[in-house]
Amino acid sequence: MADENAKSQADLVADTLTQLKEMHHYAKNNVERLTAIWLLFDGELSKLKQTDKIDDLMNRQGQLHDALEKAIADLEKVWQKLQPPPEAAEA
């Protein structure tokens, strides 16, 4: 019964990892897109004194991207620990 619980926990962690990796992918794309847009409009926005708002958004998006990387790395370690030992898998 403990093996069944470990398997369902491993599956839950694997599903969570999949979702986090998808979020990470989108966060990276958002940072790249926002940076590209920022470079196009930097001059105009600075004239309008609106650069602080965009800088803040870029920083927050970058922080989310970094936090997702850490969460993924941490959960991958947990997932590996939940895997059955090779001997048990062969038996």
N, C-alpha and C. Protein backbone atom coordinates (compact mmCIF):
# COMPACT_ATOMS: atom_id res chain seq x y z
N MET A 1 0.83 -1.19 0.00
CA MET A 1 0.00 0.00 0.00
C MET A 1 0.87 1.25 0.00
N ALA A 2 2.00 1.19 0.68
CA ALA A 2 2.91 2.35 0.70
C ALA A 2 3.44 2.62 -0.69
N ASP A 3 3.68 1.55 -1.48
CA ASP A 3 4.16 1.73 -2.85
C ASP A 3 3.13 2.46 -3.70
N GLU A 4 1.85 2.14 -3.49
CA GLU A 4 0.78 2.82 -4.24
C GLU A 4 0.76 4.31 -3.92
N ASN A 5 0.91 4.65 -2.64
CA ASN A 5 0.94 6.05 -2.24
C ASN A 5 2.15 6.76 -2.83
N ALA A 6 3.32 6.11 -2.82
CA ALA A 6 4.53 6.71 -3.37
C ALA A 6 4.35 6.95 -4.86
N LYS A 7 3.73 6.00 -5.56
CA LYS A 7 3.52 6.15 -6.99
C LYS A 7 2.58 7.31 -7.27
N SER A 8 1.51 7.42 -6.53
CA SER A 8 0.58 8.52 -6.77
C SER A 8 1.23 9.86 -6.41
N GLN A 9 2.08 9.88 -5.40
CA GLN A 9 2.81 11.11 -5.07
C GLN A 9 3.77 11.46 -6.19
N ALA A 10 4.46 10.45 -6.73
CA ALA A 10 5.39 10.68 -7.83
C ALA A 10 4.64 11.20 -9.05
N ASP A 11 3.47 10.63 -9.30
CA ASP A 11 2.66 11.11 -10.44
C ASP A 11 2.21 12.55 -10.24
N LEU A 12 1.82 12.88 -9.02
CA LEU A 12 1.41 14.25 -8.71
C LEU A 12 2.57 15.23 -8.90
N VAL A 13 3.73 14.85 -8.44
CA VAL A 13 4.91 15.70 -8.60
C VAL A 13 5.25 15.83 -10.09
N ALA A 14 5.16 14.73 -10.83
CA ALA A 14 5.45 14.78 -12.27
C ALA A 14 4.47 15.70 -12.99
N ASP A 15 3.19 15.63 -12.63
CA ASP A 15 2.19 16.52 -13.24
C ASP A 15 2.47 17.98 -12.91
N THR A 16 2.85 18.23 -11.67
CA THR A 16 3.18 19.59 -11.25
C THR A 16 4.41 20.09 -12.00
N LEU A 17 5.40 19.23 -12.15
CA LEU A 17 6.60 19.60 -12.90
C LEU A 17 6.25 19.98 -14.34
N THR A 18 5.37 19.22 -14.95
CA THR A 18 4.95 19.51 -16.32
C THR A 18 4.32 20.90 -16.40
N GLN A 19 3.45 21.21 -15.46
CA GLN A 19 2.80 22.52 -15.45
C GLN A 19 3.80 23.64 -15.20
N LEU A 20 4.72 23.44 -14.27
CA LEU A 20 5.72 24.46 -13.98
C LEU A 20 6.64 24.70 -15.17
N LYS A 21 7.00 23.62 -15.87
CA LYS A 21 7.85 23.77 -17.04
C LYS A 21 7.13 24.55 -18.14
N GLU A 22 5.83 24.33 -18.26
CA GLU A 22 5.05 25.09 -19.23
C GLU A 22 5.00 26.57 -18.84
N MET A 23 4.78 26.84 -17.55
CA MET A 23 4.78 28.22 -17.06
C MET A 23 6.15 28.87 -17.30
N HIS A 24 7.21 28.11 -17.05
CA HIS A 24 8.57 28.61 -17.24
C HIS A 24 8.79 29.00 -18.70
N HIS A 25 8.32 28.15 -19.60
CA HIS A 25 8.44 28.43 -21.03
C HIS A 25 7.74 29.74 -21.38
N TYR A 26 6.51 29.90 -20.90
CA TYR A 26 5.76 31.12 -21.19
C TYR A 26 6.38 32.34 -20.54
N ALA A 27 6.91 32.18 -19.33
CA ALA A 27 7.56 33.30 -18.65
C ALA A 27 8.77 33.76 -19.45
N LYS A 28 9.54 32.81 -19.95
CA LYS A 28 10.72 33.15 -20.75
C LYS A 28 10.30 33.90 -22.01
N ASN A 29 9.27 33.38 -22.67
CA ASN A 29 8.78 34.06 -23.87
C ASN A 29 8.28 35.46 -23.56
N ASN A 30 7.61 35.62 -22.43
CA ASN A 30 7.10 36.94 -22.04
C ASN A 30 8.23 37.93 -21.79
N VAL A 31 9.29 37.47 -21.13
CA VAL A 31 10.45 38.33 -20.87
C VAL A 31 11.07 38.76 -22.20
N GLU A 32 11.24 37.81 -23.10
CA GLU A 32 11.84 38.14 -24.39
C GLU A 32 10.96 39.10 -25.19
N ARG A 33 9.67 38.86 -25.17
CA ARG A 33 8.74 39.73 -25.91
C ARG A 33 8.69 41.13 -25.32
N LEU A 34 8.60 41.20 -24.00
CA LEU A 34 8.56 42.50 -23.34
C LEU A 34 9.85 43.27 -23.57
N THR A 35 10.97 42.57 -23.57
CA THR A 35 12.26 43.22 -23.83
C THR A 35 12.30 43.76 -25.25
N ALA A 36 11.82 42.98 -26.20
CA ALA A 36 11.82 43.43 -27.60
C ALA A 36 10.94 44.67 -27.76
N ILE A 37 9.77 44.63 -27.16
CA ILE A 37 8.86 45.79 -27.24
C ILE A 37 9.48 46.99 -26.55
N TRP A 38 10.09 46.73 -25.40
CA TRP A 38 10.73 47.80 -24.63
C TRP A 38 11.81 48.49 -25.47
N LEU A 39 12.60 47.72 -26.16
CA LEU A 39 13.67 48.30 -26.98
C LEU A 39 13.09 49.18 -28.09
N LEU A 40 11.95 48.80 -28.62
CA LEU A 40 11.32 49.59 -29.68
C LEU A 40 10.78 50.94 -29.17
N PHE A 41 10.27 50.93 -27.95
CA PHE A 41 9.57 52.11 -27.45
C PHE A 41 10.29 52.85 -26.33
N ASP A 42 11.50 52.44 -26.01
CA ASP A 42 12.24 53.03 -24.91
C ASP A 42 12.33 54.55 -25.03
N GLY A 43 12.68 55.02 -26.20
CA GLY A 43 12.82 56.46 -26.39
C GLY A 43 11.52 57.22 -26.16
N GLU A 44 10.45 56.73 -26.75
CA GLU A 44 9.16 57.39 -26.61
C GLU A 44 8.64 57.33 -25.19
N LEU A 45 8.78 56.17 -24.55
CA LEU A 45 8.29 56.04 -23.17
C LEU A 45 9.09 56.90 -22.21
N SER A 46 10.38 57.04 -22.46
CA SER A 46 11.17 57.88 -21.56
C SER A 46 10.75 59.34 -21.70
N LYS A 47 10.37 59.76 -22.90
CA LYS A 47 9.86 61.12 -23.08
C LYS A 47 8.56 61.32 -22.30
N LEU A 48 7.77 60.28 -22.21
CA LEU A 48 6.49 60.35 -21.49
C LEU A 48 6.64 60.05 -20.00
N LYS A 49 7.85 59.77 -19.57
CA LYS A 49 8.15 59.42 -18.18
C LYS A 49 7.35 58.19 -17.73
N GLN A 50 7.33 57.17 -18.59
CA GLN A 50 6.61 55.93 -18.30
C GLN A 50 7.54 54.72 -18.18
N THR A 51 8.84 54.96 -18.19
CA THR A 51 9.78 53.84 -18.19
C THR A 51 9.78 53.05 -16.88
N ASP A 52 9.50 53.69 -15.76
CA ASP A 52 9.52 52.98 -14.48
C ASP A 52 8.49 51.86 -14.45
N LYS A 53 7.34 52.09 -15.05
CA LYS A 53 6.29 51.06 -15.06
C LYS A 53 6.74 49.82 -15.82
N ILE A 54 7.37 50.03 -16.96
CA ILE A 54 7.83 48.91 -17.77
C ILE A 54 9.02 48.22 -17.11
N ASP A 55 9.93 48.99 -16.54
CA ASP A 55 11.07 48.40 -15.81
C ASP A 55 10.56 47.48 -14.69
N ASP A 56 9.56 47.94 -13.96
CA ASP A 56 9.00 47.15 -12.87
C ASP A 56 8.40 45.84 -13.40
N LEU A 57 7.66 45.92 -14.49
CA LEU A 57 7.08 44.71 -15.07
C LEU A 57 8.16 43.74 -15.54
N MET A 58 9.19 44.26 -16.17
CA MET A 58 10.27 43.39 -16.64
C MET A 58 10.98 42.72 -15.47
N ASN A 59 11.20 43.47 -14.40
CA ASN A 59 11.84 42.88 -13.22
C ASN A 59 10.97 41.79 -12.59
N ARG A 60 9.68 42.06 -12.49
CA ARG A 60 8.77 41.07 -11.90
C ARG A 60 8.69 39.81 -12.75
N GLN A 61 8.62 39.99 -14.06
CA GLN A 61 8.55 38.84 -14.95
C GLN A 61 9.85 38.04 -14.86
N GLY A 62 10.98 38.73 -14.77
CA GLY A 62 12.26 38.05 -14.61
C GLY A 62 12.34 37.29 -13.29
N GLN A 63 11.80 37.86 -12.23
CA GLN A 63 11.79 37.19 -10.93
C GLN A 63 10.92 35.94 -10.98
N LEU A 64 9.78 36.02 -11.67
CA LEU A 64 8.92 34.86 -11.81
C LEU A 64 9.67 33.75 -12.57
N HIS A 65 10.35 34.12 -13.63
CA HIS A 65 11.11 33.16 -14.43
C HIS A 65 12.16 32.47 -13.55
N ASP A 66 12.89 33.24 -12.77
CA ASP A 66 13.92 32.67 -11.89
C ASP A 66 13.31 31.78 -10.81
N ALA A 67 12.19 32.21 -10.23
CA ALA A 67 11.53 31.42 -9.19
C ALA A 67 11.01 30.10 -9.76
N LEU A 68 10.51 30.13 -10.98
CA LEU A 68 10.04 28.90 -11.62
C LEU A 68 11.20 27.93 -11.85
N GLU A 69 12.35 28.45 -12.27
CA GLU A 69 13.53 27.59 -12.45
C GLU A 69 13.90 26.89 -11.15
N LYS A 70 13.89 27.63 -10.06
CA LYS A 70 14.23 27.04 -8.76
C LYS A 70 13.20 26.02 -8.32
N ALA A 71 11.92 26.34 -8.47
CA ALA A 71 10.86 25.41 -8.09
C ALA A 71 10.95 24.12 -8.90
N ILE A 72 11.23 24.25 -10.19
CA ILE A 72 11.36 23.07 -11.04
C ILE A 72 12.54 22.22 -10.58
N ALA A 73 13.67 22.83 -10.32
CA ALA A 73 14.85 22.08 -9.86
C ALA A 73 14.56 21.37 -8.53
N ASP A 74 13.90 22.06 -7.61
CA ASP A 74 13.58 21.47 -6.31
C ASP A 74 12.62 20.29 -6.47
N LEU A 75 11.58 20.46 -7.29
CA LEU A 75 10.61 19.38 -7.47
C LEU A 75 11.20 18.20 -8.24
N GLU A 76 12.13 18.46 -9.13
CA GLU A 76 12.79 17.35 -9.83
C GLU A 76 13.56 16.48 -8.84
N LYS A 77 14.17 17.10 -7.84
CA LYS A 77 14.87 16.33 -6.80
C LYS A 77 13.87 15.50 -6.00
N VAL A 78 12.73 16.10 -5.66
CA VAL A 78 11.70 15.36 -4.91
C VAL A 78 11.19 14.19 -5.74
N TRP A 79 10.93 14.45 -7.03
CA TRP A 79 10.43 13.40 -7.91
C TRP A 79 11.42 12.24 -8.00
N GLN A 80 12.71 12.56 -8.10
CA GLN A 80 13.73 11.51 -8.16
C GLN A 80 13.73 10.66 -6.89
N LYS A 81 13.54 11.29 -5.75
CA LYS A 81 13.51 10.56 -4.48
C LYS A 81 12.29 9.65 -4.39
N LEU A 82 11.21 10.02 -5.07
CA LEU A 82 9.99 9.22 -5.02
C LEU A 82 10.01 8.02 -5.97
N GLN A 83 11.00 7.98 -6.83
CA GLN A 83 11.11 6.85 -7.76
C GLN A 83 11.55 5.61 -7.01
N PRO A 84 11.00 4.45 -7.37
CA PRO A 84 11.42 3.22 -6.69
C PRO A 84 12.86 2.89 -7.04
N PRO A 85 13.57 2.26 -6.12
CA PRO A 85 14.95 1.86 -6.42
C PRO A 85 14.96 0.88 -7.60
N PRO A 86 16.05 0.85 -8.36
CA PRO A 86 16.11 -0.02 -9.55
C PRO A 86 15.80 -1.50 -9.24
N GLU A 87 16.25 -2.01 -8.07
CA GLU A 87 16.01 -3.40 -7.71
C GLU A 87 14.52 -3.65 -7.56
N ALA A 88 13.80 -2.73 -6.94
CA ALA A 88 12.37 -2.91 -6.70
C ALA A 88 11.59 -2.83 -8.03
N ALA A 89 12.07 -2.07 -8.94
CA ALA A 89 11.39 -1.92 -10.23
C ALA A 89 11.51 -3.20 -11.06
N GLU A 90 12.64 -3.92 -10.91
CA GLU A 90 12.87 -5.14 -11.68
C GLU A 90 12.13 -6.34 -11.07
N ALA A 91 11.86 -6.30 -9.79
CA ALA A 91 11.26 -7.44 -9.10
C ALA A 91 9.81 -7.63 -9.41
